[in-house]
Protein backbone atom coordinates (compact mmCIF):
# COMPACT_ATOMS: atom_id res chain seq x y z
CA UNK A 1 0.00 0.00 0.00
CA UNK A 2 1.90 2.98 -1.24
CA UNK A 3 1.22 6.42 0.12
CA UNK A 4 -0.21 5.21 3.41
CA UNK A 5 1.40 5.75 6.76
CA UNK A 6 1.53 2.82 9.10
CA UNK A 7 1.23 3.16 12.84
CA UNK A 8 4.96 2.49 13.21
CA UNK A 9 5.83 5.27 10.78
CA UNK A 10 3.61 7.78 12.56
CA UNK A 11 5.00 6.68 15.93
CA UNK A 12 8.57 7.12 14.73
CA UNK A 13 7.80 10.55 13.27
CA UNK A 14 6.15 11.70 16.50
CA UNK A 15 9.06 10.36 18.56
CA UNK A 16 11.52 12.22 16.36
CA UNK A 17 9.54 15.46 16.60
CA UNK A 18 9.27 15.16 20.36
CA UNK A 19 12.96 14.37 20.67
CA UNK A 20 13.92 17.45 18.63
CA UNK A 21 11.59 19.68 20.66
CA UNK A 22 12.93 18.28 23.95
CA UNK A 23 16.54 18.76 22.92
CA UNK A 24 15.74 22.35 21.94
CA UNK A 25 14.13 22.99 25.35
CA UNK A 26 17.08 21.42 27.15
CA UNK A 27 19.49 23.67 25.23
CA UNK A 28 17.39 26.71 26.14
CA UNK A 29 17.30 25.67 29.80
CA UNK A 30 21.08 25.27 29.81
CA UNK A 31 21.50 28.71 28.28
CA UNK A 32 19.16 30.09 30.95
CA UNK A 33 21.41 28.71 33.69
CA UNK A 34 24.51 30.09 31.96
CA UNK A 35 22.85 33.49 31.56
CA UNK A 36 21.88 33.57 35.23
CA UNK A 37 25.41 32.65 36.27
CA UNK A 38 26.97 35.33 34.07
CA UNK A 39 24.52 37.93 35.40
CA UNK A 40 25.26 36.90 38.97
CA UNK A 41 29.03 37.13 38.56
CA UNK A 42 28.87 40.45 36.73
CA UNK A 43 26.55 41.93 39.38
CA UNK A 44 28.90 40.93 42.18
CA UNK A 45 31.78 42.53 40.32
CA UNK A 46 29.91 45.86 40.20
CA UNK A 47 28.59 45.96 43.78
CA UNK A 48 27.23 43.80 46.57
CA UNK A 49 23.79 45.44 46.44
CA UNK A 50 23.35 44.58 42.77
CA UNK A 51 24.47 41.05 43.61
CA UNK A 52 21.63 40.58 46.07
CA UNK A 53 19.00 41.32 43.47
CA UNK A 54 20.77 39.16 40.93
CA UNK A 55 20.82 36.20 43.35
CA UNK A 56 17.03 36.09 43.38
CA UNK A 57 16.88 36.30 39.60
CA UNK A 58 19.55 33.62 39.16
CA UNK A 59 17.74 31.28 41.56
CA UNK A 60 14.50 31.74 39.61
CA UNK A 61 16.34 30.93 36.37
CA UNK A 62 17.77 27.76 37.87
CA UNK A 63 14.37 26.66 39.24
CA UNK A 64 12.76 27.15 35.83
CA UNK A 65 15.60 25.34 34.07
CA UNK A 66 15.48 22.39 36.47
CA UNK A 67 11.73 22.11 35.95
CA UNK A 68 12.27 22.01 32.18
CA UNK A 69 15.01 19.37 32.53
CA UNK A 70 12.81 17.22 34.77
CA UNK A 71 9.77 17.47 32.52
CA UNK A 72 11.74 16.79 29.35
CA UNK A 73 13.63 13.78 30.65
CA UNK A 74 10.57 12.18 32.19
CA UNK A 75 8.61 12.62 28.97
CA UNK A 76 11.52 11.34 26.89
CA UNK A 77 11.60 8.18 29.00
CA UNK A 78 7.81 7.86 29.08
CA UNK A 79 7.44 8.00 25.31
CA UNK A 80 10.52 5.80 24.86
CA UNK A 81 12.32 8.34 22.73
CA UNK A 82 15.43 7.42 24.70
CA UNK A 83 15.93 4.45 26.98
PDB file of N, CA and C in Angstrom:
ATOM      1  N   UNK A   1       0.838  -1.175   0.000  1.00  0.00           N
ATOM      2  CA  UNK A   1       0.000   0.000   0.000  1.00  0.00           C
ATOM      3  C   UNK A   1       0.884   1.239   0.000  1.00  0.00           C
ATOM      4  N   UNK A   2       1.068   1.787  -1.148  1.00  0.00           N
ATOM      5  CA  UNK A   2       1.896   2.980  -1.244  1.00  0.00           C
ATOM      6  C   UNK A   2       1.117   4.213  -0.828  1.00  0.00           C
ATOM      7  N   UNK A   3       1.849   5.165  -0.249  1.00  0.00           N
ATOM      8  CA  UNK A   3       1.224   6.418   0.118  1.00  0.00           C
ATOM      9  C   UNK A   3       0.484   6.400   1.440  1.00  0.00           C
ATOM     10  N   UNK A   4       0.502   5.295   2.127  1.00  0.00           N
ATOM     11  CA  UNK A   4      -0.207   5.211   3.406  1.00  0.00           C
ATOM     12  C   UNK A   4       0.816   5.093   4.524  1.00  0.00           C
ATOM     13  N   UNK A   5       0.549   5.828   5.575  1.00  0.00           N
ATOM     14  CA  UNK A   5       1.400   5.746   6.757  1.00  0.00           C
ATOM     15  C   UNK A   5       0.927   4.608   7.640  1.00  0.00           C
ATOM     16  N   UNK A   6       1.868   3.846   8.123  1.00  0.00           N
ATOM     17  CA  UNK A   6       1.532   2.823   9.097  1.00  0.00           C
ATOM     18  C   UNK A   6       1.646   3.420  10.496  1.00  0.00           C
ATOM     19  N   UNK A   7       1.152   2.697  11.454  1.00  0.00           N
ATOM     20  CA  UNK A   7       1.227   3.157  12.837  1.00  0.00           C
ATOM     21  C   UNK A   7       2.686   3.313  13.261  1.00  0.00           C
ATOM     22  N   UNK A   8       3.546   2.405  12.852  1.00  0.00           N
ATOM     23  CA  UNK A   8       4.958   2.485  13.213  1.00  0.00           C
ATOM     24  C   UNK A   8       5.613   3.730  12.622  1.00  0.00           C
ATOM     25  N   UNK A   9       5.268   4.077  11.405  1.00  0.00           N
ATOM     26  CA  UNK A   9       5.829   5.267  10.777  1.00  0.00           C
ATOM     27  C   UNK A   9       5.395   6.523  11.503  1.00  0.00           C
ATOM     28  N   UNK A  10       4.125   6.611  11.835  1.00  0.00           N
ATOM     29  CA  UNK A  10       3.612   7.779  12.557  1.00  0.00           C
ATOM     30  C   UNK A  10       4.224   7.848  13.959  1.00  0.00           C
ATOM     31  N   UNK A  11       4.373   6.708  14.609  1.00  0.00           N
ATOM     32  CA  UNK A  11       4.996   6.677  15.931  1.00  0.00           C
ATOM     33  C   UNK A  11       6.437   7.152  15.859  1.00  0.00           C
ATOM     34  N   UNK A  12       7.171   6.702  14.876  1.00  0.00           N
ATOM     35  CA  UNK A  12       8.568   7.120  14.731  1.00  0.00           C
ATOM     36  C   UNK A  12       8.680   8.607  14.415  1.00  0.00           C
ATOM     37  N   UNK A  13       7.788   9.123  13.596  1.00  0.00           N
ATOM     38  CA  UNK A  13       7.804  10.554  13.267  1.00  0.00           C
ATOM     39  C   UNK A  13       7.487  11.381  14.513  1.00  0.00           C
ATOM     40  N   UNK A  14       6.505  10.951  15.285  1.00  0.00           N
ATOM     41  CA  UNK A  14       6.154  11.702  16.498  1.00  0.00           C
ATOM     42  C   UNK A  14       7.270  11.618  17.535  1.00  0.00           C
ATOM     43  N   UNK A  15       7.925  10.481  17.639  1.00  0.00           N
ATOM     44  CA  UNK A  15       9.060  10.363  18.556  1.00  0.00           C
ATOM     45  C   UNK A  15      10.192  11.284  18.136  1.00  0.00           C
ATOM     46  N   UNK A  16      10.465  11.341  16.860  1.00  0.00           N
ATOM     47  CA  UNK A  16      11.521  12.220  16.359  1.00  0.00           C
ATOM     48  C   UNK A  16      11.183  13.684  16.620  1.00  0.00           C
ATOM     49  N   UNK A  17       9.954  14.075  16.363  1.00  0.00           N
ATOM     50  CA  UNK A  17       9.537  15.459  16.595  1.00  0.00           C
ATOM     51  C   UNK A  17       9.624  15.806  18.082  1.00  0.00           C
ATOM     52  N   UNK A  18       9.196  14.904  18.933  1.00  0.00           N
ATOM     53  CA  UNK A  18       9.267  15.157  20.365  1.00  0.00           C
ATOM     54  C   UNK A  18      10.703  15.216  20.846  1.00  0.00           C
ATOM     55  N   UNK A  19      11.549  14.371  20.295  1.00  0.00           N
ATOM     56  CA  UNK A  19      12.959  14.367  20.666  1.00  0.00           C
ATOM     57  C   UNK A  19      13.622  15.686  20.278  1.00  0.00           C
ATOM     58  N   UNK A  20      13.347  16.177  19.088  1.00  0.00           N
ATOM     59  CA  UNK A  20      13.918  17.451  18.631  1.00  0.00           C
ATOM     60  C   UNK A  20      13.425  18.599  19.514  1.00  0.00           C
ATOM     61  N   UNK A  21      12.140  18.624  19.816  1.00  0.00           N
ATOM     62  CA  UNK A  21      11.594  19.683  20.663  1.00  0.00           C
ATOM     63  C   UNK A  21      12.185  19.616  22.073  1.00  0.00           C
ATOM     64  N   UNK A  22      12.357  18.428  22.608  1.00  0.00           N
ATOM     65  CA  UNK A  22      12.929  18.278  23.945  1.00  0.00           C
ATOM     66  C   UNK A  22      14.386  18.713  23.985  1.00  0.00           C
ATOM     67  N   UNK A  23      15.136  18.339  22.973  1.00  0.00           N
ATOM     68  CA  UNK A  23      16.539  18.762  22.917  1.00  0.00           C
ATOM     69  C   UNK A  23      16.634  20.280  22.827  1.00  0.00           C
ATOM     70  N   UNK A  24      15.763  20.895  22.055  1.00  0.00           N
ATOM     71  CA  UNK A  24      15.736  22.351  21.940  1.00  0.00           C
ATOM     72  C   UNK A  24      15.435  22.995  23.299  1.00  0.00           C
ATOM     73  N   UNK A  25      14.462  22.458  24.032  1.00  0.00           N
ATOM     74  CA  UNK A  25      14.131  22.990  25.350  1.00  0.00           C
ATOM     75  C   UNK A  25      15.270  22.786  26.347  1.00  0.00           C
ATOM     76  N   UNK A  26      15.954  21.674  26.262  1.00  0.00           N
ATOM     77  CA  UNK A  26      17.080  21.417  27.154  1.00  0.00           C
ATOM     78  C   UNK A  26      18.215  22.395  26.867  1.00  0.00           C
ATOM     79  N   UNK A  27      18.466  22.683  25.599  1.00  0.00           N
ATOM     80  CA  UNK A  27      19.488  23.665  25.235  1.00  0.00           C
ATOM     81  C   UNK A  27      19.107  25.041  25.768  1.00  0.00           C
ATOM     82  N   UNK A  28      17.838  25.419  25.616  1.00  0.00           N
ATOM     83  CA  UNK A  28      17.390  26.714  26.138  1.00  0.00           C
ATOM     84  C   UNK A  28      17.503  26.781  27.659  1.00  0.00           C
ATOM     85  N   UNK A  29      17.181  25.691  28.342  1.00  0.00           N
ATOM     86  CA  UNK A  29      17.300  25.667  29.798  1.00  0.00           C
ATOM     87  C   UNK A  29      18.757  25.796  30.231  1.00  0.00           C
ATOM     88  N   UNK A  30      19.650  25.149  29.510  1.00  0.00           N
ATOM     89  CA  UNK A  30      21.077  25.268  29.814  1.00  0.00           C
ATOM     90  C   UNK A  30      21.553  26.693  29.611  1.00  0.00           C
ATOM     91  N   UNK A  31      21.127  27.313  28.529  1.00  0.00           N
ATOM     92  CA  UNK A  31      21.496  28.709  28.282  1.00  0.00           C
ATOM     93  C   UNK A  31      20.916  29.632  29.352  1.00  0.00           C
ATOM     94  N   UNK A  32      19.756  29.302  29.870  1.00  0.00           N
ATOM     95  CA  UNK A  32      19.157  30.093  30.945  1.00  0.00           C
ATOM     96  C   UNK A  32      20.008  30.027  32.209  1.00  0.00           C
ATOM     97  N   UNK A  33      20.523  28.854  32.536  1.00  0.00           N
ATOM     98  CA  UNK A  33      21.410  28.711  33.692  1.00  0.00           C
ATOM     99  C   UNK A  33      22.707  29.479  33.467  1.00  0.00           C
ATOM    100  N   UNK A  34      23.267  29.370  32.274  1.00  0.00           N
ATOM    101  CA  UNK A  34      24.507  30.092  31.961  1.00  0.00           C
ATOM    102  C   UNK A  34      24.277  31.596  32.043  1.00  0.00           C
ATOM    103  N   UNK A  35      23.175  32.062  31.510  1.00  0.00           N
ATOM    104  CA  UNK A  35      22.852  33.486  31.558  1.00  0.00           C
ATOM    105  C   UNK A  35      22.699  33.978  32.996  1.00  0.00           C
ATOM    106  N   UNK A  36      22.028  33.202  33.833  1.00  0.00           N
ATOM    107  CA  UNK A  36      21.878  33.566  35.234  1.00  0.00           C
ATOM    108  C   UNK A  36      23.208  33.612  35.956  1.00  0.00           C
ATOM    109  N   UNK A  37      24.087  32.680  35.649  1.00  0.00           N
ATOM    110  CA  UNK A  37      25.405  32.649  36.267  1.00  0.00           C
ATOM    111  C   UNK A  37      26.238  33.848  35.846  1.00  0.00           C
ATOM    112  N   UNK A  38      26.220  34.170  34.574  1.00  0.00           N
ATOM    113  CA  UNK A  38      26.969  35.327  34.071  1.00  0.00           C
ATOM    114  C   UNK A  38      26.433  36.613  34.698  1.00  0.00           C
ATOM    115  N   UNK A  39      25.120  36.753  34.771  1.00  0.00           N
ATOM    116  CA  UNK A  39      24.524  37.929  35.397  1.00  0.00           C
ATOM    117  C   UNK A  39      24.887  38.045  36.864  1.00  0.00           C
ATOM    118  N   UNK A  40      24.921  36.914  37.557  1.00  0.00           N
ATOM    119  CA  UNK A  40      25.262  36.903  38.974  1.00  0.00           C
ATOM    120  C   UNK A  40      26.713  37.335  39.191  1.00  0.00           C
ATOM    121  N   UNK A  41      27.612  36.778  38.424  1.00  0.00           N
ATOM    122  CA  UNK A  41      29.029  37.127  38.560  1.00  0.00           C
ATOM    123  C   UNK A  41      29.261  38.590  38.214  1.00  0.00           C
ATOM    124  N   UNK A  42      28.660  39.052  37.129  1.00  0.00           N
ATOM    125  CA  UNK A  42      28.871  40.452  36.727  1.00  0.00           C
ATOM    126  C   UNK A  42      28.258  41.425  37.732  1.00  0.00           C
ATOM    127  N   UNK A  43      27.151  41.063  38.370  1.00  0.00           N
ATOM    128  CA  UNK A  43      26.546  41.934  39.381  1.00  0.00           C
ATOM    129  C   UNK A  43      27.416  42.012  40.624  1.00  0.00           C
ATOM    130  N   UNK A  44      28.019  40.901  41.018  1.00  0.00           N
ATOM    131  CA  UNK A  44      28.897  40.933  42.183  1.00  0.00           C
ATOM    132  C   UNK A  44      30.171  41.715  41.906  1.00  0.00           C
ATOM    133  N   UNK A  45      30.607  41.748  40.671  1.00  0.00           N
ATOM    134  CA  UNK A  45      31.783  42.528  40.324  1.00  0.00           C
ATOM    135  C   UNK A  45      31.490  44.022  40.484  1.00  0.00           C
ATOM    136  N   UNK A  46      30.286  44.444  40.111  1.00  0.00           N
ATOM    137  CA  UNK A  46      29.912  45.857  40.201  1.00  0.00           C
ATOM    138  C   UNK A  46      29.716  46.271  41.655  1.00  0.00           C
ATOM    139  N   UNK A  47      28.823  45.621  42.374  1.00  0.00           N
ATOM    140  CA  UNK A  47      28.593  45.961  43.781  1.00  0.00           C
ATOM    141  C   UNK A  47      27.849  44.826  44.468  1.00  0.00           C
ATOM    142  N   UNK A  48      27.907  44.832  45.788  1.00  0.00           N
ATOM    143  CA  UNK A  48      27.230  43.799  46.572  1.00  0.00           C
ATOM    144  C   UNK A  48      25.714  43.966  46.547  1.00  0.00           C
ATOM    145  N   UNK A  49      25.241  45.206  46.482  1.00  0.00           N
ATOM    146  CA  UNK A  49      23.794  45.445  46.441  1.00  0.00           C
ATOM    147  C   UNK A  49      23.174  44.911  45.157  1.00  0.00           C
ATOM    148  N   UNK A  50      23.856  45.126  44.029  1.00  0.00           N
ATOM    149  CA  UNK A  50      23.351  44.576  42.771  1.00  0.00           C
ATOM    150  C   UNK A  50      23.380  43.049  42.798  1.00  0.00           C
ATOM    151  N   UNK A  51      24.355  42.498  43.507  1.00  0.00           N
ATOM    152  CA  UNK A  51      24.472  41.049  43.609  1.00  0.00           C
ATOM    153  C   UNK A  51      23.306  40.424  44.339  1.00  0.00           C
ATOM    154  N   UNK A  52      22.770  41.117  45.325  1.00  0.00           N
ATOM    155  CA  UNK A  52      21.629  40.576  46.069  1.00  0.00           C
ATOM    156  C   UNK A  52      20.406  40.402  45.181  1.00  0.00           C
ATOM    157  N   UNK A  53      20.143  41.411  44.381  1.00  0.00           N
ATOM    158  CA  UNK A  53      18.999  41.319  43.468  1.00  0.00           C
ATOM    159  C   UNK A  53      19.228  40.241  42.409  1.00  0.00           C
ATOM    160  N   UNK A  54      20.452  40.133  41.972  1.00  0.00           N
ATOM    161  CA  UNK A  54      20.773  39.158  40.931  1.00  0.00           C
ATOM    162  C   UNK A  54      20.682  37.726  41.457  1.00  0.00           C
ATOM    163  N   UNK A  55      20.930  37.535  42.759  1.00  0.00           N
ATOM    164  CA  UNK A  55      20.820  36.199  43.351  1.00  0.00           C
ATOM    165  C   UNK A  55      19.400  35.667  43.193  1.00  0.00           C
ATOM    166  N   UNK A  56      18.424  36.506  43.488  1.00  0.00           N
ATOM    167  CA  UNK A  56      17.026  36.086  43.381  1.00  0.00           C
ATOM    168  C   UNK A  56      16.687  35.736  41.936  1.00  0.00           C
ATOM    169  N   UNK A  57      17.154  36.562  41.013  1.00  0.00           N
ATOM    170  CA  UNK A  57      16.878  36.303  39.599  1.00  0.00           C
ATOM    171  C   UNK A  57      17.577  35.026  39.133  1.00  0.00           C
ATOM    172  N   UNK A  58      18.823  34.823  39.559  1.00  0.00           N
ATOM    173  CA  UNK A  58      19.554  33.617  39.159  1.00  0.00           C
ATOM    174  C   UNK A  58      18.892  32.364  39.721  1.00  0.00           C
ATOM    175  N   UNK A  59      18.424  32.434  40.962  1.00  0.00           N
ATOM    176  CA  UNK A  59      17.740  31.279  41.557  1.00  0.00           C
ATOM    177  C   UNK A  59      16.464  30.953  40.784  1.00  0.00           C
ATOM    178  N   UNK A  60      15.724  31.993  40.381  1.00  0.00           N
ATOM    179  CA  UNK A  60      14.501  31.739  39.613  1.00  0.00           C
ATOM    180  C   UNK A  60      14.825  31.109  38.257  1.00  0.00           C
ATOM    181  N   UNK A  61      15.925  31.539  37.628  1.00  0.00           N
ATOM    182  CA  UNK A  61      16.336  30.928  36.367  1.00  0.00           C
ATOM    183  C   UNK A  61      16.667  29.451  36.556  1.00  0.00           C
ATOM    184  N   UNK A  62      17.378  29.151  37.621  1.00  0.00           N
ATOM    185  CA  UNK A  62      17.767  27.764  37.865  1.00  0.00           C
ATOM    186  C   UNK A  62      16.538  26.898  38.166  1.00  0.00           C
ATOM    187  N   UNK A  63      15.595  27.421  38.929  1.00  0.00           N
ATOM    188  CA  UNK A  63      14.372  26.664  39.235  1.00  0.00           C
ATOM    189  C   UNK A  63      13.597  26.360  37.961  1.00  0.00           C
ATOM    190  N   UNK A  64      13.460  27.362  37.100  1.00  0.00           N
ATOM    191  CA  UNK A  64      12.756  27.153  35.826  1.00  0.00           C
ATOM    192  C   UNK A  64      13.491  26.133  34.970  1.00  0.00           C
ATOM    193  N   UNK A  65      14.817  26.261  34.890  1.00  0.00           N
ATOM    194  CA  UNK A  65      15.603  25.339  34.068  1.00  0.00           C
ATOM    195  C   UNK A  65      15.527  23.915  34.591  1.00  0.00           C
ATOM    196  N   UNK A  66      15.577  23.737  35.899  1.00  0.00           N
ATOM    197  CA  UNK A  66      15.484  22.391  36.473  1.00  0.00           C
ATOM    198  C   UNK A  66      14.110  21.789  36.194  1.00  0.00           C
ATOM    199  N   UNK A  67      13.069  22.599  36.264  1.00  0.00           N
ATOM    200  CA  UNK A  67      11.728  22.107  35.945  1.00  0.00           C
ATOM    201  C   UNK A  67      11.643  21.653  34.490  1.00  0.00           C
ATOM    202  N   UNK A  68      12.265  22.398  33.601  1.00  0.00           N
ATOM    203  CA  UNK A  68      12.272  22.007  32.177  1.00  0.00           C
ATOM    204  C   UNK A  68      13.044  20.712  31.991  1.00  0.00           C
ATOM    205  N   UNK A  69      14.228  20.607  32.629  1.00  0.00           N
ATOM    206  CA  UNK A  69      15.006  19.369  32.532  1.00  0.00           C
ATOM    207  C   UNK A  69      14.198  18.177  33.029  1.00  0.00           C
ATOM    208  N   UNK A  70      13.560  18.323  34.172  1.00  0.00           N
ATOM    209  CA  UNK A  70      12.806  17.225  34.772  1.00  0.00           C
ATOM    210  C   UNK A  70      11.645  16.802  33.879  1.00  0.00           C
ATOM    211  N   UNK A  71      10.914  17.778  33.383  1.00  0.00           N
ATOM    212  CA  UNK A  71       9.771  17.466  32.523  1.00  0.00           C
ATOM    213  C   UNK A  71      10.220  16.815  31.226  1.00  0.00           C
ATOM    214  N   UNK A  72      11.273  17.342  30.618  1.00  0.00           N
ATOM    215  CA  UNK A  72      11.735  16.787  29.352  1.00  0.00           C
ATOM    216  C   UNK A  72      12.248  15.363  29.503  1.00  0.00           C
ATOM    217  N   UNK A  73      13.080  15.119  30.502  1.00  0.00           N
ATOM    218  CA  UNK A  73      13.634  13.780  30.649  1.00  0.00           C
ATOM    219  C   UNK A  73      12.573  12.764  31.019  1.00  0.00           C
ATOM    220  N   UNK A  74      11.610  13.152  31.844  1.00  0.00           N
ATOM    221  CA  UNK A  74      10.566  12.184  32.192  1.00  0.00           C
ATOM    222  C   UNK A  74       9.689  11.875  30.981  1.00  0.00           C
ATOM    223  N   UNK A  75       9.406  12.881  30.158  1.00  0.00           N
ATOM    224  CA  UNK A  75       8.614  12.620  28.966  1.00  0.00           C
ATOM    225  C   UNK A  75       9.408  11.841  27.922  1.00  0.00           C
ATOM    226  N   UNK A  76      10.700  12.109  27.824  1.00  0.00           N
ATOM    227  CA  UNK A  76      11.519  11.337  26.891  1.00  0.00           C
ATOM    228  C   UNK A  76      11.531   9.861  27.267  1.00  0.00           C
ATOM    229  N   UNK A  77      11.621   9.580  28.561  1.00  0.00           N
ATOM    230  CA  UNK A  77      11.600   8.184  29.000  1.00  0.00           C
ATOM    231  C   UNK A  77      10.204   7.586  28.825  1.00  0.00           C
ATOM    232  N   UNK A  78       9.176   8.370  29.134  1.00  0.00           N
ATOM    233  CA  UNK A  78       7.807   7.861  29.075  1.00  0.00           C
ATOM    234  C   UNK A  78       7.429   7.474  27.646  1.00  0.00           C
ATOM    235  N   UNK A  79       7.800   8.289  26.697  1.00  0.00           N
ATOM    236  CA  UNK A  79       7.439   8.002  25.307  1.00  0.00           C
ATOM    237  C   UNK A  79       8.496   7.163  24.596  1.00  0.00           C
ATOM    238  N   UNK A  80       9.470   6.690  25.367  1.00  0.00           N
ATOM    239  CA  UNK A  80      10.521   5.803  24.860  1.00  0.00           C
ATOM    240  C   UNK A  80      11.265   6.387  23.676  1.00  0.00           C
ATOM    241  N   UNK A  81      11.479   7.715  23.747  1.00  0.00           N
ATOM    242  CA  UNK A  81      12.323   8.341  22.730  1.00  0.00           C
ATOM    243  C   UNK A  81      13.754   7.947  22.997  1.00  0.00           C
ATOM    244  N   UNK A  82      14.138   7.953  24.287  1.00  0.00           N
ATOM    245  CA  UNK A  82      15.434   7.422  24.702  1.00  0.00           C
ATOM    246  C   UNK A  82      15.179   6.384  25.776  1.00  0.00           C
ATOM    247  N   UNK A  83      16.107   5.500  25.970  1.00  0.00           N
ATOM    248  CA  UNK A  83      15.930   4.446  26.977  1.00  0.00           C
ATOM    249  C   UNK A  83      16.586   4.817  28.273  1.00  0.00           C
TER     250      UNK A  83
END
